[in-house]
Amino acid sequence: MPEPLPPTPGQTVGPFFHYALPYARGNELVPPATPGVIRLHGTVYDGAGEPVPEALVEIRQADGGGRVPRLEGSLRRDGMAFTGWGRAATDSVGRYSFTTCEPGPAGPGTAPFFSLVVFARGLLNRLFTRAYLPGTTADPFLDSVEPTRRTTLLAAREDDGCLRFDIHLQGDRETVFLHFPGHGPR
């Protein structure tokens, strides 16, 4: 039996996705004029604390009642159905923004959160994280995170009602990232 070939080297996930993956209004999970609309926004930073202009952030969330939508066709939104999924490219200074609603808790004893996935230059794999609503006090997953690192998973409410969630890819303020089986090494 011939000897198996070694795996090929990994490739970074960016910056070329800017040419094909973003799409019109991909960051609008709900239309901007929807009652109760909020803006979730932030900046993606590298290990040196510099903004990352060539990143892509995806969001997945429950609706206000805690129901996780199972609709197909998120790329072809009809403007009526809430799909719970969106995609935003960072701008030239690393900022991203979503127009959405606040999620409700998806299960008993859990806190509401946004699931986020980050793709960026230099990353061999996408990164998974969560952004919990401000004021979250108890959640099984959040409670399992080292207390000094929990704050990296909490969004901050700004004076205008917007939610800010900055993502730090490395460094002293590195965001807690999750590892899911089958998604490669972190």
Protein backbone atom coordinates (compact mmCIF):
# COMPACT_ATOMS: atom_id res chain seq x y z
CA MET A 1 0.00 0.00 0.00
CA PRO A 2 1.48 3.41 -0.91
CA GLU A 3 2.42 5.83 1.83
CA PRO A 4 -0.23 8.55 2.35
CA LEU A 5 0.63 12.02 1.13
CA PRO A 6 1.15 14.75 3.74
CA PRO A 7 -1.56 17.42 3.93
CA THR A 8 -1.01 20.59 1.96
CA PRO A 9 -0.20 23.78 3.89
CA GLY A 10 -3.09 25.92 5.09
CA GLN A 11 -4.10 29.09 3.34
CA THR A 12 -5.20 32.30 5.01
CA VAL A 13 -8.89 33.18 4.79
CA GLY A 14 -8.40 36.71 3.49
CA PRO A 15 -8.20 39.32 2.07
CA PHE A 16 -9.77 38.15 -1.19
CA PHE A 17 -13.24 37.48 0.22
CA HIS A 18 -14.02 41.20 -0.23
CA TYR A 19 -14.48 40.47 -3.93
CA ALA A 20 -17.16 37.81 -3.58
CA LEU A 21 -18.61 37.35 -0.09
CA PRO A 22 -20.13 40.72 0.90
CA TYR A 23 -23.50 41.43 -0.71
CA ALA A 24 -25.92 44.34 -0.74
CA ARG A 25 -27.53 44.95 2.68
CA GLY A 26 -25.90 41.82 4.09
CA ASN A 27 -25.48 43.64 7.39
CA GLU A 28 -29.22 44.41 7.70
CA LEU A 29 -30.90 41.55 9.56
CA VAL A 30 -33.94 43.81 9.85
CA PRO A 31 -34.79 46.95 7.84
CA PRO A 32 -33.49 50.14 9.51
CA ALA A 33 -37.04 51.47 10.10
CA THR A 34 -38.20 48.37 12.02
CA PRO A 35 -39.60 49.14 15.50
CA GLY A 36 -37.06 48.16 18.18
CA VAL A 37 -34.16 48.10 15.74
CA ILE A 38 -30.66 48.32 17.22
CA ARG A 39 -27.20 48.68 15.80
CA LEU A 40 -24.49 46.21 16.84
CA HIS A 41 -21.13 47.57 15.81
CA GLY A 42 -17.47 47.55 16.70
CA THR A 43 -13.92 47.36 15.45
CA VAL A 44 -11.75 44.33 14.72
CA TYR A 45 -8.21 44.76 16.09
CA ASP A 46 -5.03 42.76 15.49
CA GLY A 47 -2.53 41.71 18.16
CA ALA A 48 -0.79 45.10 18.11
CA GLY A 49 -4.08 46.91 18.73
CA GLU A 50 -4.32 48.16 15.13
CA PRO A 51 -7.65 48.04 13.26
CA VAL A 52 -8.02 45.24 10.68
CA PRO A 53 -9.43 46.69 7.44
CA GLU A 54 -9.67 43.35 5.62
CA ALA A 55 -11.93 41.33 7.91
CA LEU A 56 -15.38 39.88 7.50
CA VAL A 57 -17.78 39.41 10.43
CA GLU A 58 -20.80 37.12 10.29
CA ILE A 59 -23.60 37.14 12.84
CA ARG A 60 -26.17 34.52 13.79
CA GLN A 61 -28.78 35.18 16.46
CA ALA A 62 -32.18 34.36 17.91
CA ASP A 63 -35.06 36.76 17.43
CA GLY A 64 -36.48 38.84 20.29
CA GLY A 65 -38.49 35.86 21.52
CA GLY A 66 -35.45 33.59 21.67
CA ARG A 67 -36.36 31.60 18.55
CA VAL A 68 -33.44 30.71 16.27
CA PRO A 69 -34.73 31.06 12.69
CA ARG A 70 -34.32 28.08 10.43
CA LEU A 71 -35.12 29.91 7.18
CA GLU A 72 -33.24 29.21 3.98
CA GLY A 73 -32.27 31.95 1.58
CA SER A 74 -30.53 34.44 3.86
CA LEU A 75 -28.76 35.89 0.84
CA ARG A 76 -32.10 36.67 -0.83
CA ARG A 77 -33.94 38.46 1.95
CA ASP A 78 -37.52 39.46 1.30
CA GLY A 79 -37.47 42.32 3.82
CA MET A 80 -40.12 40.62 5.94
CA ALA A 81 -38.77 37.34 7.32
CA PHE A 82 -36.10 37.54 10.03
CA THR A 83 -33.33 35.09 9.10
CA GLY A 84 -31.08 35.77 12.10
CA TRP A 85 -27.98 35.82 9.90
CA GLY A 86 -25.90 38.58 8.36
CA ARG A 87 -22.47 39.44 7.03
CA ALA A 88 -20.46 42.68 7.18
CA ALA A 89 -17.03 43.53 5.86
CA THR A 90 -14.90 45.88 7.93
CA ASP A 91 -14.23 49.31 6.48
CA SER A 92 -10.81 50.91 5.96
CA VAL A 93 -10.39 51.43 9.73
CA GLY A 94 -11.63 48.01 10.86
CA ARG A 95 -15.23 48.93 11.72
CA TYR A 96 -18.27 46.69 11.15
CA SER A 97 -21.97 47.30 11.80
CA PHE A 98 -25.23 45.32 11.82
CA THR A 99 -28.83 46.56 11.89
CA THR A 100 -30.78 43.99 13.88
CA CYS A 101 -32.97 43.34 16.92
CA GLU A 102 -31.94 42.33 20.41
CA PRO A 103 -32.01 38.55 20.75
CA GLY A 104 -33.99 36.82 23.46
CA PRO A 105 -32.62 33.90 25.48
CA ALA A 106 -32.64 30.77 23.30
CA GLY A 107 -33.28 28.42 26.21
CA PRO A 108 -34.20 28.29 29.87
CA GLY A 109 -31.41 29.50 32.14
CA THR A 110 -29.42 31.03 29.29
CA ALA A 111 -28.65 34.65 28.50
CA PRO A 112 -29.25 36.30 25.10
CA PHE A 113 -26.22 36.63 22.84
CA PHE A 114 -25.07 37.17 19.28
CA SER A 115 -22.88 34.45 17.71
CA LEU A 116 -20.10 35.97 15.64
CA VAL A 117 -17.61 34.48 13.21
CA VAL A 118 -14.52 36.42 12.12
CA PHE A 119 -12.55 35.91 8.92
CA ALA A 120 -9.40 38.02 8.49
CA ARG A 121 -6.07 38.19 6.73
CA GLY A 122 -3.47 35.98 8.33
CA LEU A 123 -5.99 33.60 9.92
CA LEU A 124 -5.82 29.98 8.83
CA ASN A 125 -9.30 29.30 10.20
CA ARG A 126 -12.32 31.39 11.04
CA LEU A 127 -12.78 32.41 14.67
CA PHE A 128 -16.02 31.91 16.64
CA THR A 129 -17.10 34.09 19.55
CA ARG A 130 -20.18 35.42 21.31
CA ALA A 131 -21.35 38.91 22.25
CA TYR A 132 -23.64 38.88 25.28
CA LEU A 133 -26.05 41.73 25.96
CA PRO A 134 -24.95 44.24 28.62
CA GLY A 135 -26.08 43.35 32.13
CA THR A 136 -25.81 39.60 31.57
CA THR A 137 -25.23 38.07 34.96
CA ALA A 138 -25.75 34.33 34.57
CA ASP A 139 -25.30 31.95 31.68
CA PRO A 140 -23.85 28.41 31.77
CA PHE A 141 -21.26 29.11 29.07
CA LEU A 142 -20.32 32.58 30.32
CA ASP A 143 -20.01 31.23 33.86
CA SER A 144 -17.48 28.65 32.59
CA VAL A 145 -15.14 31.37 31.27
CA GLU A 146 -12.34 32.59 33.53
CA PRO A 147 -13.73 35.66 35.36
CA THR A 148 -10.96 38.00 34.13
CA ARG A 149 -11.80 37.08 30.50
CA ARG A 150 -15.62 37.29 30.65
CA THR A 151 -15.65 41.00 29.87
CA THR A 152 -14.30 40.22 26.37
CA LEU A 153 -17.68 38.59 25.66
CA LEU A 154 -19.89 41.48 26.84
CA ALA A 155 -21.22 44.14 24.49
CA ALA A 156 -21.49 47.69 25.86
CA ARG A 157 -24.60 49.85 25.47
CA GLU A 158 -23.78 53.33 24.25
CA ASP A 159 -25.69 56.51 25.07
CA ASP A 160 -27.60 56.33 21.76
CA GLY A 161 -28.76 52.75 22.50
CA CYS A 162 -26.33 51.09 20.09
CA LEU A 163 -24.39 48.03 21.20
CA ARG A 164 -20.62 48.10 20.80
CA PHE A 165 -18.60 44.89 20.61
CA ASP A 166 -14.92 45.22 19.71
CA ILE A 167 -13.08 42.07 18.64
CA HIS A 168 -9.39 41.69 19.55
CA LEU A 169 -7.73 38.88 17.59
CA GLN A 170 -4.69 38.64 19.92
CA GLY A 171 -2.91 40.45 22.70
CA ASP A 172 -3.73 41.49 26.25
CA ARG A 173 -7.37 42.19 25.39
CA GLU A 174 -7.86 39.11 23.17
CA THR A 175 -11.51 38.18 22.78
CA VAL A 176 -12.46 34.71 24.01
CA PHE A 177 -12.80 32.48 20.95
CA LEU A 178 -14.62 29.16 20.85
CA HIS A 179 -13.50 25.88 19.32
CA PHE A 180 -16.05 23.56 17.76
CA PRO A 181 -15.14 19.97 16.89
CA GLY A 182 -14.57 19.56 13.16
CA HIS A 183 -13.59 23.19 12.54
CA GLY A 184 -9.83 22.76 12.67
CA PRO A 185 -7.32 23.95 15.25
CA ARG A 186 -7.66 27.36 16.78
